[in-house]
Protein backbone atom coordinates (compact mmCIF):
# COMPACT_ATOMS: atom_id res chain seq x y z
CA MET A 1 -22.12 -9.44 -35.63
CA LYS A 2 -19.26 -9.03 -37.62
CA LYS A 3 -16.16 -11.35 -37.07
CA ALA A 4 -12.93 -11.12 -35.27
CA TYR A 5 -9.92 -13.22 -35.05
CA VAL A 6 -7.46 -12.76 -32.20
CA ILE A 7 -4.28 -15.03 -33.43
CA LYS A 8 -1.69 -15.79 -31.21
CA ILE A 9 1.60 -16.93 -32.93
CA GLY A 10 4.79 -18.23 -30.53
CA GLY A 11 8.44 -18.32 -31.01
CA ASN A 12 8.43 -20.86 -33.68
CA ILE A 13 7.17 -18.66 -36.05
CA ILE A 14 8.87 -15.05 -34.78
CA ASP A 15 12.18 -16.65 -35.17
CA ASP A 16 11.92 -18.28 -38.38
CA ASP A 17 12.03 -15.21 -41.18
CA LYS A 18 10.38 -17.77 -44.17
CA LYS A 19 8.02 -18.79 -41.76
CA LEU A 20 6.55 -15.25 -40.23
CA SER A 21 6.41 -13.85 -43.86
CA ALA A 22 4.51 -16.92 -45.13
CA PHE A 23 2.06 -16.31 -42.36
CA LEU A 24 1.61 -13.02 -42.33
CA LYS A 25 0.30 -13.20 -45.96
CA SER A 26 -2.26 -15.89 -45.19
CA PHE A 27 -3.07 -13.64 -41.64
CA ALA A 28 -3.39 -10.78 -44.11
CA SER A 29 -5.34 -12.65 -46.82
CA LEU A 30 -8.23 -12.80 -44.39
CA ARG A 31 -8.68 -8.89 -43.78
CA ASP A 32 -11.93 -9.09 -46.01
CA GLU A 33 -13.81 -11.84 -43.72
CA ALA A 34 -13.05 -10.09 -40.39
CA ALA A 35 -11.53 -7.80 -37.98
CA LEU A 36 -7.81 -8.65 -37.08
CA ILE A 37 -5.55 -8.70 -33.94
CA LEU A 38 -2.07 -10.43 -34.04
CA VAL A 39 -0.97 -11.11 -30.49
CA HIS A 40 2.82 -11.79 -30.69
CA GLY A 41 5.64 -12.96 -27.59
CA GLY A 42 9.51 -12.38 -28.32
CA GLY A 43 10.98 -15.64 -29.49
CA LYS A 44 14.02 -16.04 -28.55
CA LEU A 45 15.47 -12.83 -29.81
CA ALA A 46 15.05 -11.53 -26.01
CA THR A 47 17.00 -14.26 -24.81
CA LYS A 48 20.10 -13.55 -27.14
CA LEU A 49 19.84 -10.12 -26.52
CA ALA A 50 20.03 -10.32 -23.16
CA GLU A 51 23.10 -12.92 -23.20
CA LYS A 52 25.31 -10.81 -25.72
CA MET A 53 24.65 -7.74 -22.53
CA GLY A 54 25.54 -10.14 -19.88
CA VAL A 55 21.87 -10.09 -18.17
CA VAL A 56 20.98 -13.65 -16.88
CA GLN A 57 17.70 -14.78 -17.89
CA GLN A 58 16.01 -16.62 -14.91
CA MET A 59 12.94 -18.98 -16.16
CA VAL A 60 10.62 -20.77 -13.32
CA ASP A 61 7.92 -23.15 -14.89
CA GLY A 62 8.74 -21.62 -18.61
CA ARG A 63 7.66 -18.33 -17.52
CA ARG A 64 10.22 -15.77 -17.24
CA ILE A 65 11.80 -13.79 -14.22
CA THR A 66 11.70 -9.86 -15.42
CA ASP A 67 14.10 -8.17 -13.47
CA ALA A 68 14.63 -4.63 -14.08
CA GLU A 69 17.62 -4.82 -16.85
CA THR A 70 14.98 -7.69 -18.16
CA LEU A 71 12.08 -5.63 -18.86
CA ARG A 72 14.10 -2.92 -20.76
CA ILE A 73 15.41 -6.14 -22.76
CA VAL A 74 11.56 -7.33 -23.22
CA THR A 75 10.04 -3.68 -24.05
CA MET A 76 13.09 -3.08 -26.70
CA VAL A 77 12.35 -6.78 -28.15
CA TYR A 78 8.53 -6.87 -28.37
CA ALA A 79 7.25 -4.10 -28.41
CA GLY A 80 9.78 -2.63 -30.81
CA TYR A 81 11.80 -4.64 -33.35
CA ILE A 82 9.38 -7.17 -33.04
CA ASN A 83 6.07 -5.42 -32.88
CA LYS A 84 7.31 -2.96 -35.84
CA ASN A 85 8.91 -5.58 -38.36
CA ILE A 86 5.37 -7.70 -38.14
CA VAL A 87 3.65 -3.88 -38.96
CA ALA A 88 5.91 -3.46 -41.89
CA GLN A 89 5.88 -6.67 -43.32
CA LEU A 90 1.89 -6.40 -43.34
CA GLN A 91 1.80 -3.00 -44.66
CA SER A 92 3.99 -3.96 -47.61
CA GLY A 93 1.39 -6.31 -48.40
CA GLY A 94 -1.42 -3.88 -48.03
CA CYS A 95 -2.76 -4.57 -44.79
CA ASN A 96 -3.13 -1.37 -43.08
CA ALA A 97 -1.38 -2.28 -39.73
CA ILE A 98 -0.92 -0.44 -36.50
CA GLY A 99 1.10 -2.11 -33.78
CA LEU A 100 0.44 -1.35 -29.68
CA SER A 101 1.55 -2.17 -26.40
CA GLY A 102 -0.67 -1.78 -23.26
CA ALA A 103 0.56 0.91 -22.92
CA ASP A 104 -0.53 2.68 -25.76
CA GLY A 105 -3.49 4.56 -25.60
CA ASN A 106 -4.00 2.27 -21.95
CA ALA A 107 -5.09 -0.29 -24.33
CA VAL A 108 -3.75 -3.20 -21.57
CA LEU A 109 -3.85 -1.76 -17.85
CA ALA A 110 -2.07 -4.31 -15.71
CA HIS A 111 -0.98 -4.62 -11.96
CA LYS A 112 2.60 -6.23 -10.96
CA ARG A 113 2.38 -9.75 -10.23
CA ILE A 114 1.51 -10.56 -6.49
CA VAL A 115 4.28 -12.84 -5.21
CA SER A 116 2.94 -15.87 -4.04
CA GLY A 117 5.26 -18.55 -2.37
CA LYS A 118 9.07 -18.74 -3.34
CA THR A 119 9.07 -17.26 -6.75
CA ASP A 120 9.48 -13.27 -7.48
CA TYR A 121 8.29 -13.22 -11.36
CA GLY A 122 9.62 -9.48 -10.79
CA PHE A 123 8.07 -7.36 -13.23
CA ALA A 124 5.48 -9.40 -14.80
CA GLY A 125 2.24 -8.07 -15.44
CA ASP A 126 -1.23 -9.50 -14.78
CA ILE A 127 -4.32 -7.96 -16.77
CA ASP A 128 -6.66 -6.05 -14.91
CA ALA A 129 -8.58 -4.38 -18.05
CA VAL A 130 -8.12 -4.53 -21.58
CA ASN A 131 -8.98 -0.88 -23.49
CA THR A 132 -12.41 -2.20 -25.51
CA ASP A 133 -13.48 1.15 -26.81
CA LEU A 134 -10.04 2.14 -28.40
CA LEU A 135 -9.56 -1.45 -29.49
CA ASN A 136 -13.13 -1.57 -31.22
CA HIS A 137 -12.72 2.10 -32.61
CA LEU A 138 -9.38 1.05 -34.13
CA LEU A 139 -11.17 -2.15 -35.84
CA LYS A 140 -13.82 0.00 -36.73
CA GLU A 141 -11.52 2.03 -38.80
CA ASN A 142 -9.85 -1.07 -40.75
CA PHE A 143 -7.25 -1.04 -39.00
CA THR A 144 -5.35 -4.60 -38.39
CA LEU A 145 -3.95 -4.69 -34.38
CA ILE A 146 -0.38 -5.97 -33.84
CA LEU A 147 -0.66 -6.25 -29.86
CA ALA A 148 2.91 -6.34 -27.83
CA PRO A 149 2.63 -8.19 -24.36
CA ILE A 150 4.00 -4.96 -22.84
CA THR A 151 1.67 -3.56 -20.10
CA HIS A 152 1.58 -0.86 -17.89
CA ASN A 153 -0.10 -0.04 -14.39
CA LYS A 154 -0.79 3.48 -14.70
CA LYS A 155 1.74 4.67 -12.83
CA GLY A 156 4.29 4.68 -14.91
CA GLN A 157 5.74 1.14 -14.60
CA LEU A 158 5.86 -1.07 -17.41
CA LEU A 159 5.29 -4.58 -17.41
CA ASN A 160 6.15 -7.70 -19.08
CA THR A 161 2.38 -9.48 -19.46
CA ASN A 162 2.19 -13.33 -20.67
CA ALA A 163 1.29 -13.35 -24.44
CA ASP A 164 -1.10 -16.01 -24.32
CA THR A 165 -3.10 -14.69 -21.59
CA LEU A 166 -3.42 -11.03 -23.43
CA ALA A 167 -4.68 -13.38 -26.18
CA GLN A 168 -7.24 -14.94 -24.30
CA GLU A 169 -8.11 -11.42 -22.31
CA THR A 170 -8.32 -9.44 -25.64
CA ALA A 171 -10.57 -12.30 -27.14
CA LYS A 172 -12.80 -12.21 -24.61
CA ALA A 173 -13.18 -8.11 -24.24
CA LEU A 174 -13.77 -8.10 -28.07
CA SER A 175 -16.90 -10.52 -27.38
CA GLU A 176 -18.84 -8.00 -26.77
CA PHE A 177 -18.24 -6.07 -30.03
CA PHE A 178 -17.98 -9.00 -32.36
CA ASP A 179 -18.41 -12.82 -33.27
CA VAL A 180 -14.47 -13.91 -31.73
CA THR A 181 -12.50 -16.92 -32.83
CA LEU A 182 -9.52 -17.24 -30.42
CA ILE A 183 -6.40 -19.22 -32.10
CA TYR A 184 -3.27 -20.06 -30.21
CA SER A 185 -0.89 -21.36 -32.37
CA PHE A 186 2.77 -22.93 -31.06
CA GLU A 187 4.97 -25.64 -32.88
CA LYS A 188 2.59 -28.79 -32.66
CA SER A 189 -0.30 -29.71 -34.92
CA GLY A 190 -2.86 -29.25 -31.88
CA VAL A 191 -3.48 -31.05 -28.37
CA LEU A 192 -1.99 -34.29 -28.79
CA LEU A 193 -2.35 -37.75 -27.19
CA ASP A 194 1.21 -38.60 -27.57
CA THR A 195 3.49 -35.31 -27.74
CA ASN A 196 6.18 -36.83 -29.92
CA ASP A 197 3.36 -37.91 -32.50
CA ASP A 198 1.82 -35.46 -34.40
CA ALA A 199 -0.58 -37.42 -35.70
CA THR A 200 -2.28 -37.92 -32.61
CA VAL A 201 -4.30 -34.84 -32.74
CA ILE A 202 -7.50 -34.38 -30.73
CA LYS A 203 -10.16 -32.97 -32.33
CA THR A 204 -12.18 -31.63 -30.10
CA ILE A 205 -11.68 -31.41 -26.45
CA SER A 206 -15.36 -30.45 -23.80
CA PRO A 207 -14.53 -29.67 -20.16
CA SER A 208 -15.54 -33.06 -19.20
CA TYR A 209 -13.00 -34.65 -21.80
CA TYR A 210 -10.25 -32.12 -20.35
CA GLU A 211 -10.99 -33.32 -16.77
CA GLN A 212 -10.64 -36.75 -17.87
CA LEU A 213 -7.24 -36.11 -19.91
CA LYS A 214 -5.99 -34.54 -16.98
CA SER A 215 -6.82 -37.25 -14.44
CA GLU A 216 -5.13 -39.74 -16.95
CA GLN A 217 -1.83 -37.22 -17.23
CA LYS A 218 -2.43 -37.30 -21.01
CA ILE A 219 -1.82 -33.92 -21.11
CA PHE A 220 1.34 -32.43 -20.70
CA ALA A 221 1.81 -29.57 -18.15
CA GLY A 222 2.87 -26.84 -20.97
CA MET A 223 -0.65 -27.46 -22.48
CA ILE A 224 -2.33 -26.79 -19.33
CA PRO A 225 -2.14 -23.40 -19.19
CA LYS A 226 -3.35 -22.46 -22.99
CA LEU A 227 -6.47 -24.86 -22.29
CA ASP A 228 -7.32 -23.31 -19.30
CA ASN A 229 -7.40 -19.97 -20.73
CA ALA A 230 -9.05 -21.65 -23.66
CA PHE A 231 -11.86 -22.71 -21.43
CA ALA A 232 -12.11 -19.34 -19.77
CA ALA A 233 -12.13 -17.27 -22.77
CA LEU A 234 -15.35 -19.78 -24.15
CA ASN A 235 -17.01 -19.06 -20.67
CA LYS A 236 -16.70 -15.23 -21.51
CA GLY A 237 -18.41 -15.15 -24.42
CA VAL A 238 -15.66 -16.14 -27.24
CA LYS A 239 -17.33 -18.01 -29.58
CA LYS A 240 -14.59 -20.49 -30.46
CA VAL A 241 -11.11 -21.76 -29.60
CA VAL A 242 -8.70 -23.39 -32.01
CA ILE A 243 -5.04 -24.33 -31.11
CA GLY A 244 -2.96 -25.75 -33.77
CA LYS A 245 0.01 -24.65 -35.90
CA ALA A 246 0.02 -21.14 -37.35
CA GLU A 247 1.34 -22.47 -40.56
CA ALA A 248 -2.34 -24.36 -41.33
CA LEU A 249 -4.32 -21.07 -40.16
CA HIS A 250 -7.29 -20.99 -42.79
CA HIS A 251 -7.60 -25.38 -42.05
CA LEU A 252 -7.64 -23.73 -38.39
CA LEU A 253 -10.34 -21.29 -39.23
CA THR A 254 -12.51 -23.97 -41.16
CA GLY A 255 -11.75 -26.76 -38.36
CA ASN A 256 -9.85 -29.08 -40.84
CA ALA A 257 -6.91 -28.72 -38.65
CA GLY A 258 -5.74 -28.45 -34.84
CA THR A 259 -7.83 -28.95 -31.76
CA THR A 260 -11.25 -26.95 -31.10
CA ILE A 261 -12.09 -25.88 -27.20
CA ILE A 262 -15.66 -26.40 -26.93
CA HIS A 263 -18.92 -26.34 -24.25
CA GLU A 264 -20.27 -29.81 -23.35
């Protein structure tokens, strides 16, 4: 079975032109060994644009409240400028990329997040289905896919979806056709025992060790959703999940950097 790499990049790469350029060159060099899918968020650009437009941004537990005006902004930034900037840079390096949002070709269907408790996240979308036939067809035509986390509900409503979750659901869906490795990249070198010390990377985490780390409160809150997504992906057919710095992409893939999430 052919390999596929689903790689999610965050704001630390997207917001830095030099880091993004270097990462995309490294990413494109993998196209001969695997099908490539890059999932991106929007970094700080959406927040900066919202501030310029006088649209107040609200965050709850690190998640954006997507009101109607914010939805317009994140759609412009995520599915527009950032997505097409990445596509153009990859094309300049000979990597034939195509940029998609969830609305394109019904790539990702979602529903508006159901309100629970006191928080209404507005037009935030939770994923119902990934169009594996479409993605598989494009990958077989040797396109590199660049996915923006704007989805839709098939009723004309766009939705803002968490990029980590989009990466996880895409990896799970493609595992039917490919030997999938999922990589979550962020600003740290991996999952750390001490969040202030990059030298404390945990090389591997199994489900039982994960429960131990949580019970001992050695996993900081912001990492728990990533790890939950990682284990969910493994349990649905993804072969390997790695968390670490995008700058170390090749080392992440060979197991020489980052944290690898494993079965028992």
